[in-house]
């Protein structure tokens, strides 16, 4: 076993920025821990993973108790013992245990939370920041540019403007604070 061997995976219900239930996963390794929430956008495309929602009257049908249970049971069983630093193997295990198209079985919300938490746990196991863990051995010499949303439109704004999002990028910046 290495310091990045996954020893535990737990799922929890949390609330997203819209006040809706979402899935949080916590992945623990011998040498670290990572946690992540499944992001939930307002619009979904045909190629996106399928969130597993409970349906019914509770939380307007949006509750995630079944997806959380999937994290705590089937997903945990599939990934405990794997090496968190082998992201491809963990993601392949998630696909294999789900066995459906678009993660319709266990929920894309459950799978993405575990996948993201695994990346954080692997980075924590080595004591490296996430960006350095993801870069691997590559020489990272450029700073990623943040995009800032100035305003949103389209479907999210009752079509008051045709543009979905107006984003700006600080192309000349040499630091995040700048």
C-alpha atoms as a PDB file:
ATOM      1  CA  UNK A   1       0.000   0.000   0.000  1.00  0.00           C
ATOM      2  CA  UNK A   2       1.136   3.512  -0.794  1.00  0.00           C
ATOM      3  CA  UNK A   3       0.161   6.794   0.835  1.00  0.00           C
ATOM      4  CA  UNK A   4      -2.295   7.319  -2.030  1.00  0.00           C
ATOM      5  CA  UNK A   5      -4.164   4.017  -1.548  1.00  0.00           C
ATOM      6  CA  UNK A   6      -7.870   4.749  -1.048  1.00  0.00           C
ATOM      7  CA  UNK A   7      -8.993   3.564   2.394  1.00  0.00           C
ATOM      8  CA  UNK A   8     -12.501   5.048   2.611  1.00  0.00           C
ATOM      9  CA  UNK A   9     -15.138   6.803   0.532  1.00  0.00           C
ATOM     10  CA  UNK A  10     -18.205   8.496   1.997  1.00  0.00           C
ATOM     11  CA  UNK A  11     -21.061  10.396   0.426  1.00  0.00           C
ATOM     12  CA  UNK A  12     -23.134  13.184   1.933  1.00  0.00           C
ATOM     13  CA  UNK A  13     -26.033  15.401   0.885  1.00  0.00           C
ATOM     14  CA  UNK A  14     -25.102  19.073   0.688  1.00  0.00           C
ATOM     15  CA  UNK A  15     -26.716  22.161  -0.836  1.00  0.00           C
ATOM     16  CA  UNK A  16     -25.601  23.819  -4.064  1.00  0.00           C
ATOM     17  CA  UNK A  17     -25.588  27.552  -4.842  1.00  0.00           C
ATOM     18  CA  UNK A  18     -29.255  27.383  -5.855  1.00  0.00           C
ATOM     19  CA  UNK A  19     -30.273  25.763  -2.548  1.00  0.00           C
ATOM     20  CA  UNK A  20     -30.806  22.350  -4.141  1.00  0.00           C
ATOM     21  CA  UNK A  21     -29.450  19.051  -2.854  1.00  0.00           C
ATOM     22  CA  UNK A  22     -26.205  17.839  -4.383  1.00  0.00           C
ATOM     23  CA  UNK A  23     -23.716  15.063  -3.665  1.00  0.00           C
ATOM     24  CA  UNK A  24     -20.504  15.548  -1.704  1.00  0.00           C
ATOM     25  CA  UNK A  25     -17.875  12.810  -1.690  1.00  0.00           C
ATOM     26  CA  UNK A  26     -14.985  12.467   0.737  1.00  0.00           C
ATOM     27  CA  UNK A  27     -12.138  10.201  -0.364  1.00  0.00           C
ATOM     28  CA  UNK A  28      -9.597   9.221   2.276  1.00  0.00           C
ATOM     29  CA  UNK A  29      -6.214   7.710   1.488  1.00  0.00           C
ATOM     30  CA  UNK A  30      -3.459   6.454   3.767  1.00  0.00           C
ATOM     31  CA  UNK A  31      -1.775   9.853   3.444  1.00  0.00           C
ATOM     32  CA  UNK A  32      -4.471  12.391   2.725  1.00  0.00           C
ATOM     33  CA  UNK A  33      -8.049  13.313   2.079  1.00  0.00           C
ATOM     34  CA  UNK A  34     -10.071  14.999  -0.638  1.00  0.00           C
ATOM     35  CA  UNK A  35     -13.613  16.270  -0.797  1.00  0.00           C
ATOM     36  CA  UNK A  36     -15.709  17.586  -3.648  1.00  0.00           C
ATOM     37  CA  UNK A  37     -19.297  18.484  -4.437  1.00  0.00           C
ATOM     38  CA  UNK A  38     -20.940  17.568  -7.709  1.00  0.00           C
ATOM     39  CA  UNK A  39     -21.464  20.784  -9.630  1.00  0.00           C
ATOM     40  CA  UNK A  40     -25.023  21.296 -10.835  1.00  0.00           C
ATOM     41  CA  UNK A  41     -25.664  23.652 -13.707  1.00  0.00           C
ATOM     42  CA  UNK A  42     -29.103  24.884 -14.651  1.00  0.00           C
ATOM     43  CA  UNK A  43     -28.829  23.625 -18.225  1.00  0.00           C
ATOM     44  CA  UNK A  44     -27.878  20.144 -19.346  1.00  0.00           C
ATOM     45  CA  UNK A  45     -26.730  18.883 -22.700  1.00  0.00           C
ATOM     46  CA  UNK A  46     -27.376  15.574 -24.392  1.00  0.00           C
ATOM     47  CA  UNK A  47     -23.782  14.391 -23.812  1.00  0.00           C
ATOM     48  CA  UNK A  48     -23.702  15.035 -20.079  1.00  0.00           C
ATOM     49  CA  UNK A  49     -23.791  12.445 -17.335  1.00  0.00           C
ATOM     50  CA  UNK A  50     -27.220  11.900 -15.816  1.00  0.00           C
ATOM     51  CA  UNK A  51     -27.756  13.074 -12.239  1.00  0.00           C
ATOM     52  CA  UNK A  52     -29.542  10.577 -10.030  1.00  0.00           C
ATOM     53  CA  UNK A  53     -32.420  12.337  -8.282  1.00  0.00           C
ATOM     54  CA  UNK A  54     -34.992  10.720  -6.004  1.00  0.00           C
ATOM     55  CA  UNK A  55     -38.120  12.076  -7.645  1.00  0.00           C
ATOM     56  CA  UNK A  56     -41.333  12.285  -5.651  1.00  0.00           C
ATOM     57  CA  UNK A  57     -42.371  15.175  -3.445  1.00  0.00           C
ATOM     58  CA  UNK A  58     -39.323  15.541  -1.217  1.00  0.00           C
ATOM     59  CA  UNK A  59     -37.169  18.554  -2.139  1.00  0.00           C
ATOM     60  CA  UNK A  60     -39.257  19.020  -5.271  1.00  0.00           C
ATOM     61  CA  UNK A  61     -38.099  15.636  -6.553  1.00  0.00           C
ATOM     62  CA  UNK A  62     -34.467  16.797  -6.531  1.00  0.00           C
ATOM     63  CA  UNK A  63     -33.243  14.984  -3.419  1.00  0.00           C
ATOM     64  CA  UNK A  64     -30.090  12.866  -3.800  1.00  0.00           C
ATOM     65  CA  UNK A  65     -30.421  10.197  -1.118  1.00  0.00           C
ATOM     66  CA  UNK A  66     -30.137   7.403  -3.702  1.00  0.00           C
ATOM     67  CA  UNK A  67     -26.976   8.930  -5.212  1.00  0.00           C
ATOM     68  CA  UNK A  68     -25.456   9.378  -1.742  1.00  0.00           C
ATOM     69  CA  UNK A  69     -26.295   5.749  -0.952  1.00  0.00           C
ATOM     70  CA  UNK A  70     -24.550   4.711  -4.186  1.00  0.00           C
ATOM     71  CA  UNK A  71     -21.386   6.513  -3.051  1.00  0.00           C
ATOM     72  CA  UNK A  72     -21.488   4.873   0.379  1.00  0.00           C
ATOM     73  CA  UNK A  73     -22.176   1.392  -0.960  1.00  0.00           C
ATOM     74  CA  UNK A  74     -21.372   0.291  -4.500  1.00  0.00           C
ATOM     75  CA  UNK A  75     -18.931   3.059  -5.404  1.00  0.00           C
ATOM     76  CA  UNK A  76     -16.983   2.767  -2.140  1.00  0.00           C
ATOM     77  CA  UNK A  77     -16.696  -0.996  -2.619  1.00  0.00           C
ATOM     78  CA  UNK A  78     -15.388  -0.482  -6.155  1.00  0.00           C
ATOM     79  CA  UNK A  79     -12.665   2.073  -5.392  1.00  0.00           C
ATOM     80  CA  UNK A  80     -11.399   1.317  -1.875  1.00  0.00           C
ATOM     81  CA  UNK A  81      -7.972  -0.248  -2.313  1.00  0.00           C
ATOM     82  CA  UNK A  82      -7.249   1.530  -5.602  1.00  0.00           C
ATOM     83  CA  UNK A  83      -4.439   4.049  -5.959  1.00  0.00           C
ATOM     84  CA  UNK A  84      -5.911   7.574  -5.988  1.00  0.00           C
ATOM     85  CA  UNK A  85      -2.961   8.811  -8.036  1.00  0.00           C
ATOM     86  CA  UNK A  86      -4.167   6.590 -10.915  1.00  0.00           C
ATOM     87  CA  UNK A  87      -7.148   8.760 -11.850  1.00  0.00           C
ATOM     88  CA  UNK A  88      -7.829   6.784 -15.031  1.00  0.00           C
ATOM     89  CA  UNK A  89      -8.157   3.524 -13.065  1.00  0.00           C
ATOM     90  CA  UNK A  90     -10.522   5.103 -10.534  1.00  0.00           C
ATOM     91  CA  UNK A  91     -12.667   6.610 -13.286  1.00  0.00           C
ATOM     92  CA  UNK A  92     -12.709   3.263 -15.128  1.00  0.00           C
ATOM     93  CA  UNK A  93     -13.871   1.555 -11.918  1.00  0.00           C
ATOM     94  CA  UNK A  94     -16.668   4.120 -11.606  1.00  0.00           C
ATOM     95  CA  UNK A  95     -17.797   3.396 -15.163  1.00  0.00           C
ATOM     96  CA  UNK A  96     -17.592  -0.361 -14.646  1.00  0.00           C
ATOM     97  CA  UNK A  97     -19.607  -0.408 -11.422  1.00  0.00           C
ATOM     98  CA  UNK A  98     -22.287   1.824 -12.974  1.00  0.00           C
ATOM     99  CA  UNK A  99     -22.529  -0.150 -16.202  1.00  0.00           C
ATOM    100  CA  UNK A 100     -25.014   2.187 -17.878  1.00  0.00           C
ATOM    101  CA  UNK A 101     -24.882   4.955 -20.436  1.00  0.00           C
ATOM    102  CA  UNK A 102     -24.181   8.372 -18.927  1.00  0.00           C
ATOM    103  CA  UNK A 103     -24.004   7.078 -15.342  1.00  0.00           C
ATOM    104  CA  UNK A 104     -27.765   6.684 -15.231  1.00  0.00           C
ATOM    105  CA  UNK A 105     -27.443   3.781 -12.776  1.00  0.00           C
ATOM    106  CA  UNK A 106     -25.452   5.274  -9.897  1.00  0.00           C
ATOM    107  CA  UNK A 107     -25.762   8.904 -10.922  1.00  0.00           C
ATOM    108  CA  UNK A 108     -23.380  11.236 -12.672  1.00  0.00           C
ATOM    109  CA  UNK A 109     -23.588  13.419  -9.578  1.00  0.00           C
ATOM    110  CA  UNK A 110     -22.240  10.551  -7.448  1.00  0.00           C
ATOM    111  CA  UNK A 111     -19.528   9.601  -9.947  1.00  0.00           C
ATOM    112  CA  UNK A 112     -18.238  13.119 -10.588  1.00  0.00           C
ATOM    113  CA  UNK A 113     -18.108  13.932  -6.864  1.00  0.00           C
ATOM    114  CA  UNK A 114     -16.024  10.796  -6.214  1.00  0.00           C
ATOM    115  CA  UNK A 115     -13.780  11.425  -9.220  1.00  0.00           C
ATOM    116  CA  UNK A 116     -13.078  15.017  -8.179  1.00  0.00           C
ATOM    117  CA  UNK A 117     -12.546  14.066  -4.532  1.00  0.00           C
ATOM    118  CA  UNK A 118     -10.094  11.383  -5.672  1.00  0.00           C
ATOM    119  CA  UNK A 119      -7.976  13.976  -7.478  1.00  0.00           C
ATOM    120  CA  UNK A 120      -7.916  16.138  -4.344  1.00  0.00           C
ATOM    121  CA  UNK A 121      -7.028  13.138  -2.157  1.00  0.00           C
ATOM    122  CA  UNK A 122      -4.184  12.113  -4.463  1.00  0.00           C
ATOM    123  CA  UNK A 123      -2.765  15.635  -4.368  1.00  0.00           C
ATOM    124  CA  UNK A 124      -3.087  15.784  -0.579  1.00  0.00           C
ATOM    125  CA  UNK A 125      -1.344  12.401  -0.271  1.00  0.00           C
ATOM    126  CA  UNK A 126       1.743  13.845  -1.935  1.00  0.00           C
ATOM    127  CA  UNK A 127       1.563  17.241  -0.255  1.00  0.00           C
ATOM    128  CA  UNK A 128       1.290  18.959  -3.622  1.00  0.00           C
ATOM    129  CA  UNK A 129      -1.299  21.525  -4.673  1.00  0.00           C
ATOM    130  CA  UNK A 130      -4.018  20.127  -6.941  1.00  0.00           C
ATOM    131  CA  UNK A 131      -2.772  22.002 -10.001  1.00  0.00           C
ATOM    132  CA  UNK A 132       0.730  20.525  -9.587  1.00  0.00           C
ATOM    133  CA  UNK A 133      -0.688  17.017  -9.108  1.00  0.00           C
ATOM    134  CA  UNK A 134      -2.770  17.364 -12.270  1.00  0.00           C
ATOM    135  CA  UNK A 135       0.176  18.766 -14.250  1.00  0.00           C
ATOM    136  CA  UNK A 136       2.216  15.690 -13.321  1.00  0.00           C
ATOM    137  CA  UNK A 137       5.802  15.846 -14.466  1.00  0.00           C
ATOM    138  CA  UNK A 138       5.126  18.541 -17.056  1.00  0.00           C
ATOM    139  CA  UNK A 139       6.809  21.911 -16.679  1.00  0.00           C
ATOM    140  CA  UNK A 140       3.942  24.289 -16.013  1.00  0.00           C
ATOM    141  CA  UNK A 141       5.182  27.706 -17.005  1.00  0.00           C
ATOM    142  CA  UNK A 142       1.961  29.516 -17.838  1.00  0.00           C
ATOM    143  CA  UNK A 143      -0.758  30.714 -15.535  1.00  0.00           C
ATOM    144  CA  UNK A 144      -4.308  29.642 -16.354  1.00  0.00           C
ATOM    145  CA  UNK A 145      -6.472  32.643 -17.101  1.00  0.00           C
ATOM    146  CA  UNK A 146      -9.640  33.003 -15.077  1.00  0.00           C
ATOM    147  CA  UNK A 147     -12.875  33.817 -16.858  1.00  0.00           C
ATOM    148  CA  UNK A 148     -15.212  36.209 -15.116  1.00  0.00           C
ATOM    149  CA  UNK A 149     -18.919  36.288 -15.910  1.00  0.00           C
ATOM    150  CA  UNK A 150     -20.072  39.879 -16.311  1.00  0.00           C
ATOM    151  CA  UNK A 151     -23.712  38.945 -16.789  1.00  0.00           C
ATOM    152  CA  UNK A 152     -25.797  35.946 -17.758  1.00  0.00           C
ATOM    153  CA  UNK A 153     -28.575  35.826 -20.277  1.00  0.00           C
ATOM    154  CA  UNK A 154     -30.266  33.411 -22.609  1.00  0.00           C
ATOM    155  CA  UNK A 155     -32.395  30.714 -20.989  1.00  0.00           C
ATOM    156  CA  UNK A 156     -31.202  31.722 -17.522  1.00  0.00           C
ATOM    157  CA  UNK A 157     -32.525  35.258 -17.888  1.00  0.00           C
ATOM    158  CA  UNK A 158     -35.881  34.588 -19.554  1.00  0.00           C
ATOM    159  CA  UNK A 159     -34.211  35.451 -22.895  1.00  0.00           C
ATOM    160  CA  UNK A 160     -33.905  39.165 -22.072  1.00  0.00           C
ATOM    161  CA  UNK A 161     -30.715  39.025 -24.117  1.00  0.00           C
ATOM    162  CA  UNK A 162     -29.761  36.376 -26.672  1.00  0.00           C
ATOM    163  CA  UNK A 163     -26.233  35.845 -25.343  1.00  0.00           C
ATOM    164  CA  UNK A 164     -26.014  33.055 -22.747  1.00  0.00           C
ATOM    165  CA  UNK A 165     -23.013  34.466 -20.820  1.00  0.00           C
ATOM    166  CA  UNK A 166     -20.787  37.486 -21.298  1.00  0.00           C
ATOM    167  CA  UNK A 167     -17.329  36.549 -20.040  1.00  0.00           C
ATOM    168  CA  UNK A 168     -14.123  38.571 -19.772  1.00  0.00           C
ATOM    169  CA  UNK A 169     -10.566  37.247 -19.596  1.00  0.00           C
ATOM    170  CA  UNK A 170      -7.669  39.381 -18.253  1.00  0.00           C
ATOM    171  CA  UNK A 171      -5.263  38.519 -21.089  1.00  0.00           C
ATOM    172  CA  UNK A 172      -2.465  40.848 -19.999  1.00  0.00           C
ATOM    173  CA  UNK A 173      -2.431  39.825 -16.325  1.00  0.00           C
ATOM    174  CA  UNK A 174       0.706  38.213 -14.928  1.00  0.00           C
ATOM    175  CA  UNK A 175      -0.832  37.174 -11.582  1.00  0.00           C
ATOM    176  CA  UNK A 176      -4.265  36.399 -10.167  1.00  0.00           C
ATOM    177  CA  UNK A 177      -4.218  39.476  -7.958  1.00  0.00           C
ATOM    178  CA  UNK A 178      -3.435  41.662 -10.972  1.00  0.00           C
END
